[in-house]
Amino acid sequence: MRLKKLHIYFFILFLPIASMLSADYLFARQSGGQRNLSIDEYANRIFFSNIFIKAKTSKKECYVGEPFVVEYELYVNDKIILTEVLDEKTPEFNDALVEEEDIGALRYTYESIRGEVFRKALIRKYVVIPTKEGEFEIPTISLKINASLEYSPEFPTDEKYYSRINTYTSEKIQINAKPILEKDVSFIGAVGNFQVKSMTLNDTVIVNKNFEYIIEIVGIGNLYLINAPKLKLPDYLQIAGEANVIDSINIKNGISGKRTFIYTLKSLKEGKNLIPEQLLKYFDPKKRKLVSLKTQPHSIEALNIEDIKQINSTDNENNGYLSWIFAILGLLSLSTLIFLLRKMNVSGNTESFNQELNTQSKKGIADEIRNFSSSNRELVLDFLFKSITETLLIELNLKKEELSVEKIRRKMIDKKFDQEFIGKVINYLNELKRLRFYKIDEELDIEYLKEIGIEIIERIEK
């Protein structure tokens, strides 16, 4: 995939129109007109002097464990057409930890070399951490490239371009990896610039039960090679197993981020426990010396399981009383809120609504329903329900306290209404109650409800 990617980018980025090379640029002639070099020999000389790869490092020397950046750049004379990359041999690093940085899309810039214009592009970038002292060799990278030269019009040939496939390899370079001499037991292998933080997830733990103690090391440097600090703990605290390691690391012109060590500890005694400060050291290559860091101490309370049960029992009892109090207060608050909301929703329409109800007997309740319009869902449902009940009170000679299903059914039977219509009235009333009082969030067909209400009222009023 990487090779294919390079093919595409090189084809796009390195395809300017080549300027013509003169005949004497392609040939070296003696005074008698004889050729000194063959076409192929002289063309190779031109290709290899005008296409090359440079390896560059961010440091000329470093300490063992100190990260540095290695970049490989391809240079192509602007007179040469670079057609495609046929093969690539990536560098192989020894005695080092290596991370390749994602350089994204290839970009080119221009640089003047020997009075000639060259295009250049970064093709590979690595962050390298040497693990062995002494001369450290930066390995080569090779590209097999198909490139072309444009012939001079003076050259007697029918072909326009002269193409060659060659392999171009970067030169080997070396840097010196120096040893870190002043090491001690507190040195955690960190080389760079770092800070430390520690924490516990709980201030209270249970005796003989595991809990977590965390150390975070944040900074710039060889985070991957940092060892877990060796804890110094009192006898009443024990470590269970090795520390778990979690990395959050960014590769960009070096290595930065955070390495987290999670220790599993166990308290062997009840009461106040102290996790003392921990001393750890890293090597700062700029200061050329070890730098000490300390974590903060942590005080925790270790409880027996029986103490926990007793505390929980007391808390549960208290929580029981509090739960009843909060439940009562909650119900009172909810009732008050519902009352206020209902009052607010209908207060703006109360006067006109009451006027409509009071004039229903004069104008006809069915006509009032036809002419009634509102976007307030609750107001429409209230109006329909009260219109039906008002009609039942008037036409069936019922009292307000008699507006029950059985009373309505009995009165309608006495008035000789058929069972199907009686069921329809009862179902309509129940549906309006459900929609009004249970506040169900569903789409309503208000016009359909109004049509059924009008139909019921007009039949009852006959």
Protein backbone atom coordinates (compact mmCIF):
# COMPACT_ATOMS: atom_id res chain seq x y z
CA MET A 1 0.00 0.00 0.00
CA ARG A 2 2.82 2.40 0.85
CA LEU A 3 4.56 1.73 -2.44
CA LYS A 4 1.35 2.27 -4.37
CA LYS A 5 0.79 5.53 -2.50
CA LEU A 6 4.27 6.75 -3.46
CA HIS A 7 3.61 5.87 -7.14
CA ILE A 8 0.52 8.08 -7.19
CA TYR A 9 2.11 11.01 -5.38
CA PHE A 10 5.27 10.98 -7.45
CA PHE A 11 3.28 10.91 -10.66
CA ILE A 12 1.26 13.94 -9.54
CA LEU A 13 3.99 15.94 -7.82
CA PHE A 14 6.97 15.40 -10.11
CA LEU A 15 5.64 15.78 -13.67
CA PRO A 16 6.58 19.31 -14.85
CA ILE A 17 7.52 19.81 -18.48
CA ALA A 18 11.28 19.20 -18.75
CA SER A 19 13.44 21.84 -20.39
CA MET A 20 15.59 20.77 -23.30
CA LEU A 21 19.12 19.60 -22.71
CA SER A 22 21.65 20.66 -25.34
CA ALA A 23 23.53 18.10 -27.37
CA ASP A 24 26.79 18.87 -25.67
CA TYR A 25 25.05 18.33 -22.29
CA LEU A 26 24.34 14.75 -23.36
CA PHE A 27 27.69 14.14 -25.04
CA ALA A 28 31.28 14.87 -24.27
CA ARG A 29 33.18 15.30 -27.49
CA GLN A 30 36.86 15.37 -28.21
CA SER A 31 38.34 17.99 -30.49
CA GLY A 32 38.01 15.63 -33.47
CA GLY A 33 34.27 15.19 -32.85
CA GLN A 34 34.70 11.68 -31.37
CA ARG A 35 32.43 10.75 -28.44
CA ASN A 36 34.23 10.46 -25.12
CA LEU A 37 31.30 8.63 -23.37
CA SER A 38 28.44 6.56 -24.70
CA ILE A 39 24.88 7.88 -24.53
CA ASP A 40 24.01 5.44 -21.71
CA GLU A 41 27.11 6.28 -19.70
CA TYR A 42 26.62 10.00 -19.93
CA ALA A 43 22.87 9.72 -19.27
CA ASN A 44 23.57 7.72 -16.10
CA ARG A 45 25.99 10.38 -14.99
CA ILE A 46 23.24 12.97 -15.48
CA PHE A 47 20.56 10.90 -13.74
CA PHE A 48 22.61 10.08 -10.65
CA SER A 49 23.78 13.67 -10.20
CA ASN A 50 20.27 15.05 -10.56
CA ILE A 51 18.20 12.44 -8.64
CA PHE A 52 19.28 11.51 -5.13
CA ILE A 53 17.99 10.78 -1.60
CA LYS A 54 19.21 12.53 1.54
CA ALA A 55 18.95 11.14 5.08
CA LYS A 56 18.84 13.82 7.81
CA THR A 57 18.83 13.58 11.60
CA SER A 58 17.68 16.07 14.24
CA LYS A 59 20.80 15.34 16.36
CA LYS A 60 24.45 14.67 15.60
CA GLU A 61 24.81 12.85 18.92
CA CYS A 62 22.46 11.69 21.64
CA TYR A 63 22.27 9.67 24.84
CA VAL A 64 21.19 6.05 24.92
CA GLY A 65 17.41 6.14 25.28
CA GLU A 66 17.09 9.69 23.92
CA PRO A 67 14.66 9.98 20.97
CA PHE A 68 15.70 11.76 17.77
CA VAL A 69 14.09 12.22 14.35
CA VAL A 70 15.33 10.74 11.05
CA GLU A 71 13.96 12.08 7.74
CA TYR A 72 14.49 10.85 4.17
CA GLU A 73 14.00 13.37 1.34
CA LEU A 74 13.98 12.76 -2.39
CA TYR A 75 15.58 15.42 -4.66
CA VAL A 76 14.87 15.64 -8.41
CA ASN A 77 16.31 18.21 -10.83
CA ASP A 78 13.56 20.24 -12.45
CA LYS A 79 14.87 19.21 -15.90
CA ILE A 80 14.05 15.55 -15.26
CA ILE A 81 10.68 13.90 -15.64
CA LEU A 82 10.07 11.44 -12.81
CA THR A 83 7.52 8.96 -14.15
CA GLU A 84 7.02 6.41 -11.36
CA VAL A 85 8.55 4.53 -8.43
CA LEU A 86 8.78 0.83 -9.24
CA ASP A 87 10.13 -0.49 -5.93
CA GLU A 88 11.19 0.67 -2.49
CA LYS A 89 13.49 -0.75 0.17
CA THR A 90 12.67 0.80 3.52
CA PRO A 91 15.37 1.35 6.16
CA GLU A 92 16.08 -1.37 8.71
CA PHE A 93 17.18 -0.02 12.09
CA ASN A 94 19.25 -2.10 14.53
CA ASP A 95 19.74 -1.62 18.28
CA ALA A 96 16.90 0.88 18.48
CA LEU A 97 13.22 1.31 19.16
CA VAL A 98 11.67 2.94 16.07
CA GLU A 99 8.27 4.56 15.43
CA GLU A 100 7.34 5.80 11.94
CA GLU A 101 5.48 9.09 11.85
CA ASP A 102 2.56 9.47 9.45
CA ILE A 103 3.58 12.31 7.13
CA GLY A 104 0.25 12.37 5.30
CA ALA A 105 0.17 13.52 1.68
CA LEU A 106 3.55 14.07 0.03
CA ARG A 107 4.39 17.73 -0.50
CA TYR A 108 7.23 19.20 -2.48
CA THR A 109 9.24 22.40 -2.23
CA TYR A 110 12.01 23.87 -4.32
CA GLU A 111 15.70 24.21 -3.47
CA SER A 112 18.64 25.60 -5.42
CA ILE A 113 21.64 23.26 -5.61
CA ARG A 114 24.75 24.11 -7.68
CA GLY A 115 22.75 26.84 -9.40
CA GLU A 116 20.08 24.33 -10.50
CA VAL A 117 16.47 24.12 -9.33
CA PHE A 118 15.54 20.87 -7.55
CA ARG A 119 12.19 19.62 -6.36
CA LYS A 120 12.26 17.79 -3.01
CA ALA A 121 9.72 15.84 -0.98
CA LEU A 122 9.76 14.12 2.41
CA ILE A 123 9.16 10.40 1.77
CA ARG A 124 9.78 8.81 5.21
CA LYS A 125 10.06 10.05 8.79
CA TYR A 126 10.97 8.07 11.93
CA VAL A 127 11.42 8.66 15.64
CA VAL A 128 14.41 6.57 16.74
CA ILE A 129 15.49 5.65 20.28
CA PRO A 130 18.93 3.99 20.39
CA THR A 131 19.25 1.22 22.97
CA LYS A 132 23.00 0.65 22.68
CA GLU A 133 25.90 3.03 23.22
CA GLY A 134 28.51 3.77 20.57
CA GLU A 135 28.34 4.65 16.86
CA PHE A 136 24.74 4.40 15.73
CA GLU A 137 24.24 3.88 11.99
CA ILE A 138 21.30 5.45 10.19
CA PRO A 139 20.32 2.80 7.58
CA THR A 140 19.78 3.58 3.92
CA ILE A 141 16.56 3.76 1.94
CA SER A 142 16.37 2.81 -1.77
CA LEU A 143 13.92 3.69 -4.52
CA LYS A 144 13.77 2.09 -7.98
CA ILE A 145 12.69 4.95 -10.23
CA ASN A 146 11.75 5.31 -13.89
CA ALA A 147 12.82 8.78 -15.09
CA SER A 148 13.22 10.52 -18.47
CA LEU A 149 15.38 13.17 -20.13
CA GLU A 150 14.16 15.18 -23.09
CA TYR A 151 16.49 15.02 -26.11
CA SER A 152 17.94 18.12 -27.70
CA PRO A 153 16.60 18.85 -31.21
CA GLU A 154 20.21 18.73 -32.41
CA PHE A 155 20.44 15.04 -31.51
CA PRO A 156 19.69 12.83 -34.56
CA THR A 157 16.91 10.52 -33.29
CA ASP A 158 13.23 9.96 -33.82
CA GLU A 159 12.58 9.45 -30.09
CA LYS A 160 11.63 12.47 -27.98
CA TYR A 161 12.65 11.15 -24.53
CA TYR A 162 15.50 9.08 -23.21
CA SER A 163 14.27 6.98 -20.23
CA ARG A 164 16.23 5.01 -17.66
CA ILE A 165 15.24 2.80 -14.71
CA ASN A 166 17.76 3.17 -11.88
CA THR A 167 17.88 2.43 -8.16
CA TYR A 168 18.75 5.43 -5.99
CA THR A 169 20.02 4.90 -2.44
CA SER A 170 20.65 7.34 0.39
CA GLU A 171 24.12 7.62 1.89
CA LYS A 172 24.86 6.05 5.27
CA ILE A 173 25.27 8.43 8.17
CA GLN A 174 26.17 7.86 11.82
CA ILE A 175 25.57 9.54 15.13
CA ASN A 176 27.17 8.89 18.50
CA ALA A 177 24.96 7.34 21.22
CA LYS A 178 26.50 8.29 24.59
CA PRO A 179 25.93 6.25 27.78
CA ILE A 180 24.14 7.57 30.87
CA LEU A 181 26.74 7.14 33.59
CA GLU A 182 25.02 8.30 36.79
CA LYS A 183 22.30 5.70 37.30
CA ASP A 184 20.81 4.50 40.60
CA VAL A 185 17.88 2.35 41.80
CA SER A 186 15.45 5.29 41.49
CA PHE A 187 16.20 5.74 37.76
CA ILE A 188 13.18 4.47 35.79
CA GLY A 189 14.82 4.53 32.34
CA ALA A 190 13.13 7.78 31.36
CA VAL A 191 15.15 10.13 29.12
CA GLY A 192 13.60 13.49 28.26
CA ASN A 193 11.53 15.92 30.28
CA PHE A 194 8.78 14.60 32.57
CA GLN A 195 6.36 15.28 35.43
CA VAL A 196 4.71 12.81 37.80
CA LYS A 197 1.31 12.53 39.49
CA SER A 198 -0.15 9.88 41.80
CA MET A 199 -3.67 9.11 43.03
CA THR A 200 -5.96 6.60 44.72
CA LEU A 201 -9.54 6.07 43.59
CA ASN A 202 -10.92 5.79 47.15
CA ASP A 203 -10.03 7.30 50.51
CA THR A 204 -11.59 4.32 52.31
CA VAL A 205 -10.62 0.69 51.68
CA ILE A 206 -11.39 -2.69 53.27
CA VAL A 207 -8.71 -4.60 55.13
CA ASN A 208 -7.29 -7.49 53.03
CA LYS A 209 -9.19 -6.30 49.95
CA ASN A 210 -7.40 -5.06 46.82
CA PHE A 211 -7.45 -1.39 45.85
CA GLU A 212 -5.69 0.61 43.12
CA TYR A 213 -2.82 3.07 43.39
CA ILE A 214 -1.93 4.99 40.22
CA ILE A 215 1.23 6.78 39.05
CA GLU A 216 1.12 8.88 35.87
CA ILE A 217 4.28 10.04 34.08
CA VAL A 218 3.68 12.83 31.56
CA GLY A 219 6.14 14.51 29.23
CA ILE A 220 8.36 14.34 26.15
CA GLY A 221 10.90 11.56 25.66
CA ASN A 222 11.22 7.78 25.54
CA LEU A 223 7.86 7.03 27.14
CA TYR A 224 7.79 3.49 25.70
CA LEU A 225 10.96 2.56 27.61
CA ILE A 226 9.95 3.91 31.03
CA ASN A 227 9.91 1.20 33.70
CA ALA A 228 7.33 0.96 36.48
CA PRO A 229 8.68 2.78 39.56
CA LYS A 230 9.58 0.38 42.37
CA LEU A 231 7.34 1.29 45.29
CA LYS A 232 8.66 1.67 48.82
CA LEU A 233 5.79 0.85 51.16
CA PRO A 234 5.31 0.22 54.89
CA ASP A 235 4.88 -3.37 56.09
CA TYR A 236 1.10 -3.04 56.40
CA LEU A 237 0.74 -2.42 52.63
CA GLN A 238 1.40 -5.15 50.08
CA ILE A 239 1.63 -5.17 46.28
CA ALA A 240 -0.35 -7.83 44.42
CA GLY A 241 1.36 -8.71 41.12
CA GLU A 242 2.92 -6.40 38.52
CA ALA A 243 1.69 -2.94 37.65
CA ASN A 244 -0.62 -2.65 34.66
CA VAL A 245 0.56 -0.18 32.00
CA ILE A 246 -1.64 2.13 29.93
CA ASP A 247 -0.12 4.40 27.25
CA SER A 248 -1.53 7.54 25.68
CA ILE A 249 1.25 8.58 23.28
CA ASN A 250 1.60 10.89 20.27
CA ILE A 251 4.28 10.51 17.56
CA LYS A 252 4.97 13.94 16.07
CA ASN A 253 8.53 15.28 15.76
CA GLY A 254 9.32 13.06 18.71
CA ILE A 255 7.33 11.18 21.35
CA SER A 256 5.03 12.89 23.83
CA GLY A 257 2.13 11.86 26.03
CA LYS A 258 1.50 9.87 29.17
CA ARG A 259 2.42 6.46 30.59
CA THR A 260 0.20 5.26 33.44
CA PHE A 261 1.09 2.53 35.95
CA ILE A 262 -1.76 0.96 37.94
CA TYR A 263 -0.68 -0.92 41.06
CA THR A 264 -2.90 -3.31 43.02
CA LEU A 265 -2.33 -2.85 46.76
CA LYS A 266 -3.75 -4.48 49.87
CA SER A 267 -3.97 -3.10 53.40
CA LEU A 268 -3.16 -5.56 56.21
CA LYS A 269 -4.19 -3.40 59.16
CA GLU A 270 -7.22 -1.43 60.25
CA GLY A 271 -7.11 2.32 60.74
CA LYS A 272 -5.09 5.08 59.12
CA ASN A 273 -2.82 3.86 56.32
CA LEU A 274 -0.22 6.05 54.61
CA ILE A 275 1.10 5.51 51.10
CA PRO A 276 4.35 7.47 51.37
CA GLU A 277 5.79 9.67 48.64
CA GLN A 278 7.70 7.74 46.00
CA LEU A 279 11.05 8.92 44.61
CA LEU A 280 11.83 8.37 40.95
CA LYS A 281 14.46 9.82 38.62
CA TYR A 282 14.73 10.55 34.90
CA PHE A 283 17.66 11.74 32.79
CA ASP A 284 17.40 15.20 31.24
CA PRO A 285 19.69 15.29 28.16
CA LYS A 286 19.70 19.10 28.10
CA LYS A 287 20.84 19.35 31.70
CA ARG A 288 22.98 16.22 31.24
CA LYS A 289 22.02 14.87 34.65
CA LEU A 290 19.41 12.88 36.57
CA VAL A 291 16.38 14.82 37.80
CA SER A 292 14.37 13.70 40.85
CA LEU A 293 10.58 13.61 41.01
CA LYS A 294 8.36 12.78 43.99
CA THR A 295 4.76 11.67 44.20
CA GLN A 296 2.49 13.11 46.88
CA PRO A 297 1.69 10.97 49.94
CA HIS A 298 -1.83 9.54 50.26
CA SER A 299 -3.70 8.83 53.49
CA ILE A 300 -6.42 6.17 53.39
CA GLU A 301 -8.73 4.66 56.00
CA ALA A 302 -8.77 0.85 56.17
CA LEU A 303 -11.95 -0.64 57.68
CA ASN A 304 -12.89 -4.16 58.74
CA ILE A 305 -15.82 -5.74 56.90
CA GLU A 306 -17.90 -5.76 60.13
CA ASP A 307 -17.43 -2.01 60.47
CA ILE A 308 -18.62 -1.58 56.90
CA LYS A 309 -21.77 -3.62 57.61
CA GLN A 310 -22.55 -1.58 60.70
CA ILE A 311 -22.07 1.69 58.87
CA ASN A 312 -24.23 0.48 56.00
CA SER A 313 -26.95 -0.64 58.42
CA THR A 314 -27.03 2.77 60.09
CA ASP A 315 -26.98 4.52 56.74
CA ASN A 316 -29.81 2.35 55.44
CA GLU A 317 -31.93 3.13 58.50
CA ASN A 318 -31.30 6.83 58.15
CA ASN A 319 -31.86 6.62 54.44
CA GLY A 320 -35.19 4.89 55.09
CA TYR A 321 -36.43 7.82 57.16
CA LEU A 322 -35.07 10.30 54.69
CA SER A 323 -36.65 8.43 51.78
CA TRP A 324 -40.11 8.75 53.35
CA ILE A 325 -39.59 12.44 54.03
CA PHE A 326 -38.31 13.11 50.51
CA ALA A 327 -41.15 11.07 49.00
CA ILE A 328 -43.79 13.11 50.87
CA LEU A 329 -42.12 16.39 50.00
CA GLY A 330 -41.78 15.26 46.39
CA LEU A 331 -45.47 14.42 46.11
CA LEU A 332 -46.46 17.76 47.61
CA SER A 333 -44.15 19.61 45.23
CA LEU A 334 -45.40 17.61 42.25
CA SER A 335 -49.03 18.29 43.10
CA THR A 336 -48.35 21.99 43.44
CA LEU A 337 -46.44 22.04 40.15
CA ILE A 338 -49.21 20.23 38.26
CA PHE A 339 -51.81 22.63 39.66
CA LEU A 340 -49.76 25.68 38.65
CA LEU A 341 -49.01 24.33 35.18
CA ARG A 342 -52.62 23.50 34.49
CA LYS A 343 -53.65 26.91 35.74
CA MET A 344 -51.04 28.60 33.54
CA ASN A 345 -52.04 26.60 30.45
CA VAL A 346 -55.71 27.52 30.63
CA SER A 347 -55.65 30.88 32.41
CA GLY A 348 -55.32 32.83 29.17
CA ASN A 349 -58.42 31.17 27.72
CA THR A 350 -60.56 30.74 30.87
CA GLU A 351 -62.80 33.72 30.32
CA SER A 352 -63.60 32.97 26.69
CA PHE A 353 -63.95 29.26 27.49
CA ASN A 354 -66.47 29.88 30.27
CA GLN A 355 -68.40 32.24 28.01
CA GLU A 356 -68.60 29.54 25.37
CA LEU A 357 -69.91 27.00 27.88
CA ASN A 358 -72.45 29.44 29.26
CA THR A 359 -73.83 30.21 25.79
CA GLN A 360 -73.95 26.61 24.60
CA SER A 361 -77.61 26.13 25.51
CA LYS A 362 -78.52 29.25 23.52
CA LYS A 363 -76.43 28.66 20.40
CA GLY A 364 -76.36 24.82 20.32
CA ILE A 365 -73.48 22.76 21.63
CA ALA A 366 -72.81 21.03 18.28
CA ASP A 367 -72.42 24.41 16.57
CA GLU A 368 -70.07 25.56 19.33
CA ILE A 369 -67.85 22.55 18.70
CA ARG A 370 -67.80 23.30 14.95
CA ASN A 371 -66.78 26.92 15.58
CA PHE A 372 -64.33 26.17 18.39
CA SER A 373 -60.63 26.37 17.39
CA SER A 374 -57.52 26.27 19.51
CA SER A 375 -53.94 24.97 19.21
CA ASN A 376 -53.88 24.10 22.91
CA ARG A 377 -54.28 20.32 23.16
CA GLU A 378 -55.50 20.36 26.77
CA LEU A 379 -58.00 23.12 26.11
CA VAL A 380 -59.52 21.28 23.12
CA LEU A 381 -59.89 18.03 25.07
CA ASP A 382 -61.44 19.86 28.04
CA PHE A 383 -63.89 21.61 25.73
CA LEU A 384 -64.98 18.36 24.05
CA PHE A 385 -65.38 16.53 27.36
CA LYS A 386 -67.38 19.33 28.96
CA SER A 387 -69.50 19.72 25.83
CA ILE A 388 -70.49 16.03 25.93
CA THR A 389 -71.14 16.02 29.69
CA GLU A 390 -73.15 19.25 29.40
CA THR A 391 -75.30 17.63 26.73
CA LEU A 392 -75.80 14.52 28.86
CA LEU A 393 -76.79 16.62 31.90
CA ILE A 394 -79.39 18.54 29.88
CA GLU A 395 -80.83 15.84 27.63
CA LEU A 396 -80.78 12.91 30.10
CA ASN A 397 -81.85 14.96 33.14
CA LEU A 398 -78.75 13.93 35.08
CA LYS A 399 -77.10 15.64 37.99
CA LYS A 400 -73.37 16.33 38.08
CA GLU A 401 -72.83 13.74 40.78
CA GLU A 402 -74.58 11.18 38.54
CA LEU A 403 -72.09 11.40 35.67
CA SER A 404 -70.88 7.81 36.09
CA VAL A 405 -70.78 5.16 33.37
CA GLU A 406 -73.60 3.15 34.90
CA LYS A 407 -75.87 6.18 35.45
CA ILE A 408 -75.34 7.33 31.86
CA ARG A 409 -75.90 3.83 30.48
CA ARG A 410 -79.15 3.40 32.47
CA LYS A 411 -80.54 6.79 31.45
CA MET A 412 -79.72 6.17 27.78
CA ILE A 413 -81.46 2.79 27.93
CA ASP A 414 -84.48 4.49 29.42
CA LYS A 415 -84.39 6.99 26.54
CA LYS A 416 -84.48 4.05 24.08
CA PHE A 417 -80.98 4.51 22.61
CA ASP A 418 -79.61 1.35 20.99
CA GLN A 419 -76.73 -0.54 22.59
CA GLU A 420 -74.25 0.26 19.82
CA PHE A 421 -74.75 4.00 20.23
CA ILE A 422 -74.60 3.73 24.04
CA GLY A 423 -71.28 1.89 23.74
CA LYS A 424 -70.03 4.55 21.37
CA VAL A 425 -70.86 7.34 23.86
CA ILE A 426 -69.25 5.51 26.77
CA ASN A 427 -66.09 4.74 24.75
CA TYR A 428 -65.87 8.36 23.59
CA LEU A 429 -66.08 9.64 27.16
CA ASN A 430 -63.46 7.15 28.34
CA GLU A 431 -61.12 8.09 25.47
CA LEU A 432 -61.42 11.79 26.32
CA LYS A 433 -60.67 11.02 29.97
CA ARG A 434 -57.64 8.98 29.01
CA LEU A 435 -56.25 11.69 26.77
CA ARG A 436 -57.00 14.47 29.28
CA PHE A 437 -55.78 12.96 32.53
CA TYR A 438 -53.01 10.56 31.59
CA LYS A 439 -51.13 13.12 29.47
CA ILE A 440 -50.18 10.51 26.86
CA ASP A 441 -47.75 11.89 24.31
CA GLU A 442 -49.37 10.86 21.02
CA GLU A 443 -50.57 12.54 17.88
CA LEU A 444 -54.23 13.60 18.07
CA ASP A 445 -56.65 13.92 15.17
CA ILE A 446 -58.59 16.80 16.71
CA GLU A 447 -60.95 17.18 13.76
CA TYR A 448 -61.90 13.49 13.96
CA LEU A 449 -62.62 13.81 17.70
CA LYS A 450 -64.74 16.89 17.02
CA GLU A 451 -66.73 15.08 14.31
CA ILE A 452 -67.55 12.19 16.65
CA GLY A 453 -68.54 14.63 19.40
CA ILE A 454 -70.85 16.55 17.05
CA GLU A 455 -72.42 13.29 15.84
CA ILE A 456 -73.07 12.11 19.43
CA ILE A 457 -74.48 15.47 20.59
CA GLU A 458 -76.78 15.88 17.58
CA ARG A 459 -78.22 12.38 18.04
CA ILE A 460 -78.75 12.87 21.79
CA GLU A 461 -80.46 16.24 21.17
CA LYS A 462 -83.00 14.77 18.69
